[in-house]
Structure formats: structure tokens, C-alpha cells
Amino acid sequence: MAAGAGRLARGRAATPVRCRVVLVSVEGRRLGFEVSAHDGVEVIGEGTHERVIVDAGRFTARALAKRAAGGSGGG
């Protein structure tokens, strides 16, 4: 997972903020997003975010096999 963000303006207390997230790329299991936040007056932050789709069954099987082999799973 990766994320990058920039703060463009200082938010005011108790001000509603609207966030927008747009899926901008799909490369295999990797998804790329553009994100922004707006306080009703101006854009107060924007950035990018990346996620990877994980096959839960495959992930669990590999983790259990690693544990059974005595792996610590710490990296």
C-alpha cells in the first residue's frame, strides 16, 4: 500500500469536509486512486492512494504454512 498527500489549506474547527476518491488506474491486482478534500470554500488537501487486491484464501494458506514451518512472519 502506498499513499501520498498534501495539505493545501488549514481547516477550520467544526467545518464539514467533503472528500472525493476516484479510481484512476487498474494494473492487475493494483488499484490507484486520486483523493481530495474540500471544505466548501477551497480544496484543503489532495493526494494519491494505492491498494492491492489480496486473495484471502491464498494469503491465509501461505501464512499457516509459514507458521507450521516455524517462520516468525515478521517480515
PDB file of N, CA and C in Angstrom:
ATOM      1  N   MET A   1       0.835  -1.160   0.000  1.00  0.00           N
ATOM      2  CA  MET A   1       0.000   0.000   0.000  1.00  0.00           C
ATOM      3  C   MET A   1       0.887   1.232   0.000  1.00  0.00           C
ATOM      4  N   ALA A   2       0.508   2.231  -0.747  1.00  0.00           N
ATOM      5  CA  ALA A   2       1.242   3.488  -0.773  1.00  0.00           C
ATOM      6  C   ALA A   2       0.259   4.637  -0.747  1.00  0.00           C
ATOM      7  N   ALA A   3       0.680   5.729  -0.179  1.00  0.00           N
ATOM      8  CA  ALA A   3      -0.173   6.913  -0.141  1.00  0.00           C
ATOM      9  C   ALA A   3       0.709   8.146  -0.184  1.00  0.00           C
ATOM     10  N   GLY A   4       0.216   9.176  -0.828  1.00  0.00           N
ATOM     11  CA  GLY A   4       0.897  10.455  -0.835  1.00  0.00           C
ATOM     12  C   GLY A   4      -0.162  11.530  -0.689  1.00  0.00           C
ATOM     13  N   ALA A   5       0.105  12.520   0.123  1.00  0.00           N
ATOM     14  CA  ALA A   5      -0.907  13.545   0.352  1.00  0.00           C
ATOM     15  C   ALA A   5      -0.247  14.886   0.593  1.00  0.00           C
ATOM     16  N   GLY A   6      -0.987  15.939   0.286  1.00  0.00           N
ATOM     17  CA  GLY A   6      -0.514  17.280   0.553  1.00  0.00           C
ATOM     18  C   GLY A   6      -1.618  18.102   1.186  1.00  0.00           C
ATOM     19  N   ARG A   7      -1.258  18.881   2.180  1.00  0.00           N
ATOM     20  CA  ARG A   7      -2.230  19.765   2.833  1.00  0.00           C
ATOM     21  C   ARG A   7      -2.112  21.129   2.175  1.00  0.00           C
ATOM     22  N   LEU A   8      -3.218  21.613   1.641  1.00  0.00           N
ATOM     23  CA  LEU A   8      -3.196  22.855   0.887  1.00  0.00           C
ATOM     24  C   LEU A   8      -3.716  24.042   1.677  1.00  0.00           C
ATOM     25  N   ALA A   9      -4.595  23.802   2.638  1.00  0.00           N
ATOM     26  CA  ALA A   9      -5.176  24.910   3.411  1.00  0.00           C
ATOM     27  C   ALA A   9      -5.485  24.421   4.813  1.00  0.00           C
ATOM     28  N   ARG A  10      -5.445  25.295   5.755  1.00  0.00           N
ATOM     29  CA  ARG A  10      -5.756  24.951   7.136  1.00  0.00           C
ATOM     30  C   ARG A  10      -7.268  24.865   7.310  1.00  0.00           C
ATOM     31  N   GLY A  11      -7.740  23.739   7.856  1.00  0.00           N
ATOM     32  CA  GLY A  11      -9.169  23.570   8.086  1.00  0.00           C
ATOM     33  C   GLY A  11      -9.636  24.332   9.315  1.00  0.00           C
ATOM     34  N   ARG A  12     -10.893  24.700   9.325  1.00  0.00           N
ATOM     35  CA  ARG A  12     -11.486  25.382  10.472  1.00  0.00           C
ATOM     36  C   ARG A  12     -12.264  24.365  11.307  1.00  0.00           C
ATOM     37  N   ALA A  13     -12.260  24.535  12.618  1.00  0.00           N
ATOM     38  CA  ALA A  13     -12.951  23.605  13.506  1.00  0.00           C
ATOM     39  C   ALA A  13     -14.440  23.538  13.161  1.00  0.00           C
ATOM     40  N   ALA A  14     -14.997  22.351  13.241  1.00  0.00           N
ATOM     41  CA  ALA A  14     -16.424  22.096  13.024  1.00  0.00           C
ATOM     42  C   ALA A  14     -16.900  22.456  11.615  1.00  0.00           C
ATOM     43  N   THR A  15     -15.982  22.489  10.658  1.00  0.00           N
ATOM     44  CA  THR A  15     -16.358  22.753   9.270  1.00  0.00           C
ATOM     45  C   THR A  15     -16.547  21.420   8.556  1.00  0.00           C
ATOM     46  N   PRO A  16     -17.707  21.199   7.936  1.00  0.00           N
ATOM     47  CA  PRO A  16     -17.896  19.962   7.184  1.00  0.00           C
ATOM     48  C   PRO A  16     -16.889  19.884   6.035  1.00  0.00           C
ATOM     49  N   VAL A  17     -16.381  18.699   5.810  1.00  0.00           N
ATOM     50  CA  VAL A  17     -15.415  18.470   4.737  1.00  0.00           C
ATOM     51  C   VAL A  17     -15.964  17.399   3.821  1.00  0.00           C
ATOM     52  N   ARG A  18     -15.890  17.652   2.531  1.00  0.00           N
ATOM     53  CA  ARG A  18     -16.316  16.667   1.533  1.00  0.00           C
ATOM     54  C   ARG A  18     -15.067  16.057   0.914  1.00  0.00           C
ATOM     55  N   CYS A  19     -15.027  14.740   0.879  1.00  0.00           N
ATOM     56  CA  CYS A  19     -13.894  14.027   0.284  1.00  0.00           C
ATOM     57  C   CYS A  19     -14.326  13.358  -1.010  1.00  0.00           C
ATOM     58  N   ARG A  20     -13.410  13.325  -1.949  1.00  0.00           N
ATOM     59  CA  ARG A  20     -13.683  12.696  -3.241  1.00  0.00           C
ATOM     60  C   ARG A  20     -12.546  11.726  -3.527  1.00  0.00           C
ATOM     61  N   VAL A  21     -12.897  10.510  -3.922  1.00  0.00           N
ATOM     62  CA  VAL A  21     -11.921   9.492  -4.280  1.00  0.00           C
ATOM     63  C   VAL A  21     -12.286   8.960  -5.654  1.00  0.00           C
ATOM     64  N   VAL A  22     -11.306   8.957  -6.558  1.00  0.00           N
ATOM     65  CA  VAL A  22     -11.543   8.499  -7.926  1.00  0.00           C
ATOM     66  C   VAL A  22     -10.554   7.383  -8.252  1.00  0.00           C
ATOM     67  N   LEU A  23     -11.062   6.249  -8.703  1.00  0.00           N
ATOM     68  CA  LEU A  23     -10.211   5.159  -9.171  1.00  0.00           C
ATOM     69  C   LEU A  23      -9.640   5.584 -10.520  1.00  0.00           C
ATOM     70  N   VAL A  24      -8.315   5.710 -10.610  1.00  0.00           N
ATOM     71  CA  VAL A  24      -7.695   6.228 -11.825  1.00  0.00           C
ATOM     72  C   VAL A  24      -6.876   5.195 -12.576  1.00  0.00           C
ATOM     73  N   SER A  25      -6.541   4.067 -11.919  1.00  0.00           N
ATOM     74  CA  SER A  25      -5.775   3.049 -12.642  1.00  0.00           C
ATOM     75  C   SER A  25      -6.012   1.675 -12.048  1.00  0.00           C
ATOM     76  N   VAL A  26      -5.981   0.692 -12.924  1.00  0.00           N
ATOM     77  CA  VAL A  26      -6.052  -0.708 -12.525  1.00  0.00           C
ATOM     78  C   VAL A  26      -4.958  -1.425 -13.302  1.00  0.00           C
ATOM     79  N   GLU A  27      -3.993  -1.974 -12.573  1.00  0.00           N
ATOM     80  CA  GLU A  27      -2.901  -2.724 -13.185  1.00  0.00           C
ATOM     81  C   GLU A  27      -2.820  -4.071 -12.498  1.00  0.00           C
ATOM     82  N   GLY A  28      -3.493  -5.051 -13.079  1.00  0.00           N
ATOM     83  CA  GLY A  28      -3.560  -6.354 -12.426  1.00  0.00           C
ATOM     84  C   GLY A  28      -4.329  -6.231 -11.121  1.00  0.00           C
ATOM     85  N   ARG A  29      -3.669  -6.575 -10.010  1.00  0.00           N
ATOM     86  CA  ARG A  29      -4.312  -6.502  -8.694  1.00  0.00           C
ATOM     87  C   ARG A  29      -4.124  -5.144  -8.039  1.00  0.00           C
ATOM     88  N   ARG A  30      -3.373  -4.251  -8.672  1.00  0.00           N
ATOM     89  CA  ARG A  30      -3.035  -2.943  -8.086  1.00  0.00           C
ATOM     90  C   ARG A  30      -4.039  -1.878  -8.547  1.00  0.00           C
ATOM     91  N   LEU A  31      -4.597  -1.151  -7.563  1.00  0.00           N
ATOM     92  CA  LEU A  31      -5.574  -0.100  -7.837  1.00  0.00           C
ATOM     93  C   LEU A  31      -4.983   1.246  -7.425  1.00  0.00           C
ATOM     94  N   GLY A  32      -5.100   2.251  -8.293  1.00  0.00           N
ATOM     95  CA  GLY A  32      -4.596   3.587  -7.981  1.00  0.00           C
ATOM     96  C   GLY A  32      -5.746   4.566  -7.864  1.00  0.00           C
ATOM     97  N   PHE A  33      -5.699   5.418  -6.844  1.00  0.00           N
ATOM     98  CA  PHE A  33      -6.761   6.378  -6.583  1.00  0.00           C
ATOM     99  C   PHE A  33      -6.187   7.791  -6.474  1.00  0.00           C
ATOM    100  N   GLU A  34      -6.977   8.773  -6.874  1.00  0.00           N
ATOM    101  CA  GLU A  34      -6.691  10.172  -6.581  1.00  0.00           C
ATOM    102  C   GLU A  34      -7.711  10.607  -5.543  1.00  0.00           C
ATOM    103  N   VAL A  35      -7.264  11.304  -4.517  1.00  0.00           N
ATOM    104  CA  VAL A  35      -8.149  11.738  -3.442  1.00  0.00           C
ATOM    105  C   VAL A  35      -8.031  13.243  -3.238  1.00  0.00           C
ATOM    106  N   SER A  36      -9.136  13.862  -2.821  1.00  0.00           N
ATOM    107  CA  SER A  36      -9.102  15.287  -2.500  1.00  0.00           C
ATOM    108  C   SER A  36     -10.125  15.568  -1.408  1.00  0.00           C
ATOM    109  N   ALA A  37      -9.890  16.652  -0.676  1.00  0.00           N
ATOM    110  CA  ALA A  37     -10.799  17.083   0.386  1.00  0.00           C
ATOM    111  C   ALA A  37     -11.098  18.561   0.178  1.00  0.00           C
ATOM    112  N   HIS A  38     -12.358  18.940   0.362  1.00  0.00           N
ATOM    113  CA  HIS A  38     -12.817  20.310   0.098  1.00  0.00           C
ATOM    114  C   HIS A  38     -13.678  20.748   1.273  1.00  0.00           C
ATOM    115  N   ASP A  39     -13.480  21.961   1.759  1.00  0.00           N
ATOM    116  CA  ASP A  39     -14.236  22.439   2.921  1.00  0.00           C
ATOM    117  C   ASP A  39     -15.433  23.316   2.544  1.00  0.00           C
ATOM    118  N   GLY A  40     -15.805  23.321   1.286  1.00  0.00           N
ATOM    119  CA  GLY A  40     -16.915  24.145   0.834  1.00  0.00           C
ATOM    120  C   GLY A  40     -16.460  25.484   0.287  1.00  0.00           C
ATOM    121  N   VAL A  41     -15.215  25.854   0.570  1.00  0.00           N
ATOM    122  CA  VAL A  41     -14.650  27.099   0.067  1.00  0.00           C
ATOM    123  C   VAL A  41     -13.495  26.807  -0.881  1.00  0.00           C
ATOM    124  N   GLU A  42     -12.631  25.872  -0.454  1.00  0.00           N
ATOM    125  CA  GLU A  42     -11.453  25.576  -1.254  1.00  0.00           C
ATOM    126  C   GLU A  42     -10.999  24.142  -1.025  1.00  0.00           C
ATOM    127  N   VAL A  43     -10.133  23.667  -1.896  1.00  0.00           N
ATOM    128  CA  VAL A  43      -9.518  22.359  -1.709  1.00  0.00           C
ATOM    129  C   VAL A  43      -8.533  22.488  -0.560  1.00  0.00           C
ATOM    130  N   ILE A  44      -8.662  21.601   0.446  1.00  0.00           N
ATOM    131  CA  ILE A  44      -7.789  21.673   1.619  1.00  0.00           C
ATOM    132  C   ILE A  44      -6.762  20.547   1.651  1.00  0.00           C
ATOM    133  N   GLY A  45      -6.888  19.589   0.753  1.00  0.00           N
ATOM    134  CA  GLY A  45      -5.912  18.506   0.684  1.00  0.00           C
ATOM    135  C   GLY A  45      -6.138  17.661  -0.543  1.00  0.00           C
ATOM    136  N   GLU A  46      -5.062  17.081  -1.046  1.00  0.00           N
ATOM    137  CA  GLU A  46      -5.182  16.180  -2.186  1.00  0.00           C
ATOM    138  C   GLU A  46      -3.997  15.234  -2.182  1.00  0.00           C
ATOM    139  N   GLY A  47      -4.171  14.113  -2.851  1.00  0.00           N
ATOM    140  CA  GLY A  47      -3.079  13.144  -2.886  1.00  0.00           C
ATOM    141  C   GLY A  47      -3.442  11.917  -3.687  1.00  0.00           C
ATOM    142  N   THR A  48      -2.646  10.881  -3.510  1.00  0.00           N
ATOM    143  CA  THR A  48      -2.857   9.615  -4.201  1.00  0.00           C
ATOM    144  C   THR A  48      -2.873   8.493  -3.174  1.00  0.00           C
ATOM    145  N   HIS A  49      -3.470   7.383  -3.555  1.00  0.00           N
ATOM    146  CA  HIS A  49      -3.537   6.215  -2.674  1.00  0.00           C
ATOM    147  C   HIS A  49      -3.482   4.979  -3.554  1.00  0.00           C
ATOM    148  N   GLU A  50      -2.826   3.937  -3.086  1.00  0.00           N
ATOM    149  CA  GLU A  50      -2.689   2.703  -3.849  1.00  0.00           C
ATOM    150  C   GLU A  50      -3.051   1.525  -2.960  1.00  0.00           C
ATOM    151  N   ARG A  51      -3.817   0.600  -3.512  1.00  0.00           N
ATOM    152  CA  ARG A  51      -4.202  -0.619  -2.799  1.00  0.00           C
ATOM    153  C   ARG A  51      -3.942  -1.805  -3.708  1.00  0.00           C
ATOM    154  N   VAL A  52      -3.764  -2.974  -3.092  1.00  0.00           N
ATOM    155  CA  VAL A  52      -3.584  -4.209  -3.832  1.00  0.00           C
ATOM    156  C   VAL A  52      -4.652  -5.186  -3.375  1.00  0.00           C
ATOM    157  N   ILE A  53      -5.308  -5.818  -4.334  1.00  0.00           N
ATOM    158  CA  ILE A  53      -6.331  -6.821  -4.023  1.00  0.00           C
ATOM    159  C   ILE A  53      -5.616  -8.100  -3.599  1.00  0.00           C
ATOM    160  N   VAL A  54      -6.010  -8.635  -2.445  1.00  0.00           N
ATOM    161  CA  VAL A  54      -5.387  -9.834  -1.892  1.00  0.00           C
ATOM    162  C   VAL A  54      -6.387 -10.976  -1.929  1.00  0.00           C
ATOM    163  N   ASP A  55      -5.945 -12.136  -2.413  1.00  0.00           N
ATOM    164  CA  ASP A  55      -6.758 -13.349  -2.382  1.00  0.00           C
ATOM    165  C   ASP A  55      -6.683 -13.888  -0.957  1.00  0.00           C
ATOM    166  N   ALA A  56      -7.759 -13.736  -0.199  1.00  0.00           N
ATOM    167  CA  ALA A  56      -7.753 -14.084   1.232  1.00  0.00           C
ATOM    168  C   ALA A  56      -7.415 -15.556   1.469  1.00  0.00           C
ATOM    169  N   GLY A  57      -7.952 -16.436   0.655  1.00  0.00           N
ATOM    170  CA  GLY A  57      -7.681 -17.870   0.831  1.00  0.00           C
ATOM    171  C   GLY A  57      -6.219 -18.201   0.619  1.00  0.00           C
ATOM    172  N   ARG A  58      -5.632 -17.665  -0.423  1.00  0.00           N
ATOM    173  CA  ARG A  58      -4.224 -17.893  -0.726  1.00  0.00           C
ATOM    174  C   ARG A  58      -3.331 -17.279   0.361  1.00  0.00           C
ATOM    175  N   PHE A  59      -3.656 -16.075   0.793  1.00  0.00           N
ATOM    176  CA  PHE A  59      -2.886 -15.405   1.844  1.00  0.00           C
ATOM    177  C   PHE A  59      -2.897 -16.224   3.132  1.00  0.00           C
ATOM    178  N   THR A  60      -4.084 -16.688   3.539  1.00  0.00           N
ATOM    179  CA  THR A  60      -4.218 -17.463   4.767  1.00  0.00           C
ATOM    180  C   THR A  60      -3.451 -18.778   4.667  1.00  0.00           C
ATOM    181  N   ALA A  61      -3.570 -19.443   3.534  1.00  0.00           N
ATOM    182  CA  ALA A  61      -2.861 -20.715   3.348  1.00  0.00           C
ATOM    183  C   ALA A  61      -1.354 -20.526   3.462  1.00  0.00           C
ATOM    184  N   ARG A  62      -0.819 -19.472   2.870  1.00  0.00           N
ATOM    185  CA  ARG A  62       0.616 -19.206   2.934  1.00  0.00           C
ATOM    186  C   ARG A  62       1.044 -18.854   4.362  1.00  0.00           C
ATOM    187  N   ALA A  63       0.228 -18.076   5.074  1.00  0.00           N
ATOM    188  CA  ALA A  63       0.557 -17.711   6.454  1.00  0.00           C
ATOM    189  C   ALA A  63       0.557 -18.941   7.355  1.00  0.00           C
ATOM    190  N   LEU A  64      -0.426 -19.812   7.188  1.00  0.00           N
ATOM    191  CA  LEU A  64      -0.487 -21.030   8.002  1.00  0.00           C
ATOM    192  C   LEU A  64       0.684 -21.954   7.694  1.00  0.00           C
ATOM    193  N   ALA A  65       1.059 -22.054   6.419  1.00  0.00           N
ATOM    194  CA  ALA A  65       2.201 -22.890   6.040  1.00  0.00           C
ATOM    195  C   ALA A  65       3.487 -22.330   6.637  1.00  0.00           C
ATOM    196  N   LYS A  66       3.632 -21.029   6.627  1.00  0.00           N
ATOM    197  CA  LYS A  66       4.818 -20.386   7.198  1.00  0.00           C
ATOM    198  C   LYS A  66       4.887 -20.634   8.708  1.00  0.00           C
ATOM    199  N   ARG A  67       3.741 -20.509   9.379  1.00  0.00           N
ATOM    200  CA  ARG A  67       3.705 -20.741  10.829  1.00  0.00           C
ATOM    201  C   ARG A  67       4.066 -22.191  11.141  1.00  0.00           C
ATOM    202  N   ALA A  68       3.522 -23.129  10.349  1.00  0.00           N
ATOM    203  CA  ALA A  68       3.809 -24.542  10.568  1.00  0.00           C
ATOM    204  C   ALA A  68       5.285 -24.855  10.354  1.00  0.00           C
ATOM    205  N   ALA A  69       5.940 -24.106   9.470  1.00  0.00           N
ATOM    206  CA  ALA A  69       7.359 -24.310   9.198  1.00  0.00           C
ATOM    207  C   ALA A  69       8.242 -23.610  10.227  1.00  0.00           C
ATOM    208  N   GLY A  70       7.624 -22.900  11.176  1.00  0.00           N
ATOM    209  CA  GLY A  70       8.375 -22.243  12.217  1.00  0.00           C
ATOM    210  C   GLY A  70       8.785 -20.819  11.882  1.00  0.00           C
ATOM    211  N   GLY A  71       8.196 -20.261  10.842  1.00  0.00           N
ATOM    212  CA  GLY A  71       8.502 -18.864  10.486  1.00  0.00           C
ATOM    213  C   GLY A  71       7.867 -17.901  11.457  1.00  0.00           C
ATOM    214  N   SER A  72       8.544 -16.772  11.666  1.00  0.00           N
ATOM    215  CA  SER A  72       8.017 -15.773  12.591  1.00  0.00           C
ATOM    216  C   SER A  72       6.958 -14.899  11.951  1.00  0.00           C
ATOM    217  N   GLY A  73       6.994 -14.769  10.605  1.00  0.00           N
ATOM    218  CA  GLY A  73       6.027 -13.932   9.912  1.00  0.00           C
ATOM    219  C   GLY A  73       6.282 -12.457  10.087  1.00  0.00           C
ATOM    220  N   GLY A  74       7.450 -12.091  10.635  1.00  0.00           N
ATOM    221  CA  GLY A  74       7.739 -10.705  10.923  1.00  0.00           C
ATOM    222  C   GLY A  74       8.411  -9.937   9.811  1.00  0.00           C
ATOM    223  N   GLY A  75       8.412 -10.467   8.603  1.00  0.00           N
ATOM    224  CA  GLY A  75       8.977  -9.641   7.563  1.00  0.00           C
ATOM    225  C   GLY A  75       9.809 -10.368   6.637  1.00  0.00           C
TER     226      GLY A  75
END
